[in-house]
Every structure is written in C-alpha cells, then in structure tokens.
Amino acid sequence: MHPEQIKAELRMKGITPSALADELGVANSSVSQVISGRATSARIAARIAQITGKSVDALWPSRKDRVVLRRTKSAQIGSNPARA
C-alpha cells in the first residue's frame, strides 16, 4: 500500500501516527519511517496491521512484488528530439 493509504486507514480507525508512537513508546519518526517503508520494525508493523485489520504483507508487499516504474537509459536518450 502507499504510505498515504496506510495513514488514511489509521485515521479511519481513529488513531494518528503520533498517537501510535506514544502508545508504543517510540519516536514519531520511527512510525513514519515504518509507514513509508524506509525502516522496518516488526512491533510497529504488527500494531498497524492489527489496527487496520490488514496483514503486514498487504500493507507492505515485499520489494520483489512491487512494481517499479523507471525509465531505462535507452528510453531517456533521444526521447525528446526537440532538446537535441
């Protein structure tokens, strides 16, 4: 899920990331980093999953399952002939 979707799910359940951080005794930035996928914490992720009623895997699919949209180098070269 996108981090904004996870935050929206939490808000719909009546809890903010800040309140979750207070509940778990961690820094707000720790919760934010887990939500965004920049950091991992089994305890924080499990609590978010419990609150939202979704599995950890549904909230944060593994990296190999994520769709990555990137331009390839060959697509960038010559993609805009007006610039050349």
Foldseek 3Di string as FASTA:
>chain_A
DALVVLQVLLVVLPDGLCNLCVVVVHDSVVLVCCSRVVDDDPVSLVVSCVSSVHDSCVSPPDPVPDDDDDDDPVCPVPVDVVVD
